[in-house]
Amino acid sequence: MNDYRRPADLARRMAARRAAQRQRSPSFRRETFALPREAARAKAREFFTRFPKAAYMTEIESWRELPGDRIEFTMRRLPSAD
């Protein structure tokens, strides 16, 4: 049976999982943005143009909707393309 019964337990477990993921990939550079929906789309496109996925392994690591039609997202990439 699952020991996580309260929302705080779930939040703690999810935070621990995120921390473990970040420790596995310390060489990645991350940037977090919180922008209106259309500006967030434009920023993500700009990021992919500047740091192509094939060379930098660029990806949107996580995202969520905030009140007021804003999007918070984290972009992840390698520091250089060798």
C-alpha atoms as a PDB file:
ATOM      1  CA  MET A   1       0.000   0.000   0.000  1.00  0.00           C
ATOM      2  CA  ASN A   2       1.180   3.511  -0.765  1.00  0.00           C
ATOM      3  CA  ASP A   3       2.480   5.529   2.205  1.00  0.00           C
ATOM      4  CA  TYR A   4       1.716   8.850   0.521  1.00  0.00           C
ATOM      5  CA  ARG A   5      -1.737   9.914   1.633  1.00  0.00           C
ATOM      6  CA  ARG A   6      -1.575  13.672   1.978  1.00  0.00           C
ATOM      7  CA  PRO A   7      -0.892  16.283  -0.728  1.00  0.00           C
ATOM      8  CA  ALA A   8       2.250  17.349   1.152  1.00  0.00           C
ATOM      9  CA  ASP A   9       3.567  13.771   0.921  1.00  0.00           C
ATOM     10  CA  LEU A  10       2.972  13.726  -2.814  1.00  0.00           C
ATOM     11  CA  ALA A  11       4.658  17.111  -3.254  1.00  0.00           C
ATOM     12  CA  ARG A  12       7.675  15.935  -1.255  1.00  0.00           C
ATOM     13  CA  ARG A  13       7.953  12.758  -3.328  1.00  0.00           C
ATOM     14  CA  MET A  14       7.715  14.699  -6.611  1.00  0.00           C
ATOM     15  CA  ALA A  15      10.333  17.225  -5.468  1.00  0.00           C
ATOM     16  CA  ALA A  16      12.693  14.397  -4.534  1.00  0.00           C
ATOM     17  CA  ARG A  17      12.186  12.786  -7.940  1.00  0.00           C
ATOM     18  CA  ARG A  18      12.956  16.081  -9.723  1.00  0.00           C
ATOM     19  CA  ALA A  19      16.094  16.579  -7.635  1.00  0.00           C
ATOM     20  CA  ALA A  20      17.261  13.062  -8.476  1.00  0.00           C
ATOM     21  CA  GLN A  21      16.714  13.694 -12.197  1.00  0.00           C
ATOM     22  CA  ARG A  22      18.758  16.871 -12.056  1.00  0.00           C
ATOM     23  CA  GLN A  23      21.595  15.090 -10.269  1.00  0.00           C
ATOM     24  CA  ARG A  24      21.735  12.499 -13.041  1.00  0.00           C
ATOM     25  CA  SER A  25      22.280  15.209 -15.663  1.00  0.00           C
ATOM     26  CA  PRO A  26      24.400  17.929 -14.050  1.00  0.00           C
ATOM     27  CA  SER A  27      25.981  18.918 -17.364  1.00  0.00           C
ATOM     28  CA  PHE A  28      22.719  20.391 -18.667  1.00  0.00           C
ATOM     29  CA  ARG A  29      22.012  24.113 -18.531  1.00  0.00           C
ATOM     30  CA  ARG A  30      18.492  25.045 -17.471  1.00  0.00           C
ATOM     31  CA  GLU A  31      16.529  28.258 -17.802  1.00  0.00           C
ATOM     32  CA  THR A  32      13.056  28.807 -16.383  1.00  0.00           C
ATOM     33  CA  PHE A  33      10.607  31.342 -17.811  1.00  0.00           C
ATOM     34  CA  ALA A  34       7.110  32.503 -16.793  1.00  0.00           C
ATOM     35  CA  LEU A  35       5.483  34.309 -19.702  1.00  0.00           C
ATOM     36  CA  PRO A  36       2.086  34.909 -21.285  1.00  0.00           C
ATOM     37  CA  ARG A  37       1.103  31.996 -23.525  1.00  0.00           C
ATOM     38  CA  GLU A  38       2.053  33.537 -26.903  1.00  0.00           C
ATOM     39  CA  ALA A  39       5.317  34.983 -25.552  1.00  0.00           C
ATOM     40  CA  ALA A  40       6.149  31.557 -24.082  1.00  0.00           C
ATOM     41  CA  ARG A  41       5.671  29.933 -27.491  1.00  0.00           C
ATOM     42  CA  ALA A  42       7.878  32.562 -29.121  1.00  0.00           C
ATOM     43  CA  LYS A  43      10.583  32.123 -26.447  1.00  0.00           C
ATOM     44  CA  ALA A  44      10.586  28.337 -26.879  1.00  0.00           C
ATOM     45  CA  ARG A  45      10.890  28.701 -30.678  1.00  0.00           C
ATOM     46  CA  GLU A  46      13.733  31.184 -30.216  1.00  0.00           C
ATOM     47  CA  PHE A  47      15.493  28.800 -27.829  1.00  0.00           C
ATOM     48  CA  PHE A  48      15.205  25.890 -30.298  1.00  0.00           C
ATOM     49  CA  THR A  49      16.495  28.117 -33.115  1.00  0.00           C
ATOM     50  CA  ARG A  50      19.446  29.331 -31.082  1.00  0.00           C
ATOM     51  CA  PHE A  51      20.258  25.900 -29.622  1.00  0.00           C
ATOM     52  CA  PRO A  52      19.148  23.228 -32.152  1.00  0.00           C
ATOM     53  CA  LYS A  53      17.942  19.978 -30.619  1.00  0.00           C
ATOM     54  CA  ALA A  54      20.289  17.845 -32.730  1.00  0.00           C
ATOM     55  CA  ALA A  55      23.397  19.646 -31.467  1.00  0.00           C
ATOM     56  CA  TYR A  56      22.442  20.707 -27.928  1.00  0.00           C
ATOM     57  CA  MET A  57      19.831  18.085 -26.980  1.00  0.00           C
ATOM     58  CA  THR A  58      17.492  21.008 -26.268  1.00  0.00           C
ATOM     59  CA  GLU A  59      14.078  20.204 -24.806  1.00  0.00           C
ATOM     60  CA  ILE A  60      11.295  21.616 -22.696  1.00  0.00           C
ATOM     61  CA  GLU A  61      11.971  19.816 -19.442  1.00  0.00           C
ATOM     62  CA  SER A  62       8.757  20.805 -17.655  1.00  0.00           C
ATOM     63  CA  TRP A  63       5.900  23.261 -17.950  1.00  0.00           C
ATOM     64  CA  ARG A  64       2.731  24.294 -16.148  1.00  0.00           C
ATOM     65  CA  GLU A  65      -0.116  26.761 -16.550  1.00  0.00           C
ATOM     66  CA  LEU A  66      -0.259  29.692 -14.147  1.00  0.00           C
ATOM     67  CA  PRO A  67      -3.228  31.963 -13.450  1.00  0.00           C
ATOM     68  CA  GLY A  68      -3.800  34.697 -16.006  1.00  0.00           C
ATOM     69  CA  ASP A  69      -2.999  32.501 -19.042  1.00  0.00           C
ATOM     70  CA  ARG A  70       0.714  32.442 -18.203  1.00  0.00           C
ATOM     71  CA  ILE A  71       2.996  29.476 -18.790  1.00  0.00           C
ATOM     72  CA  GLU A  72       5.984  28.591 -16.629  1.00  0.00           C
ATOM     73  CA  PHE A  73       8.467  26.323 -18.380  1.00  0.00           C
ATOM     74  CA  THR A  74      12.032  25.100 -18.026  1.00  0.00           C
ATOM     75  CA  MET A  75      14.259  24.701 -21.071  1.00  0.00           C
ATOM     76  CA  ARG A  76      17.199  22.306 -20.877  1.00  0.00           C
ATOM     77  CA  ARG A  77      20.257  22.131 -23.166  1.00  0.00           C
ATOM     78  CA  LEU A  78      23.876  21.073 -23.246  1.00  0.00           C
ATOM     79  CA  PRO A  79      26.336  23.927 -22.675  1.00  0.00           C
ATOM     80  CA  SER A  80      28.081  23.446 -26.037  1.00  0.00           C
ATOM     81  CA  ALA A  81      27.809  21.497 -29.245  1.00  0.00           C
ATOM     82  CA  ASP A  82      31.046  19.587 -29.803  1.00  0.00           C
END
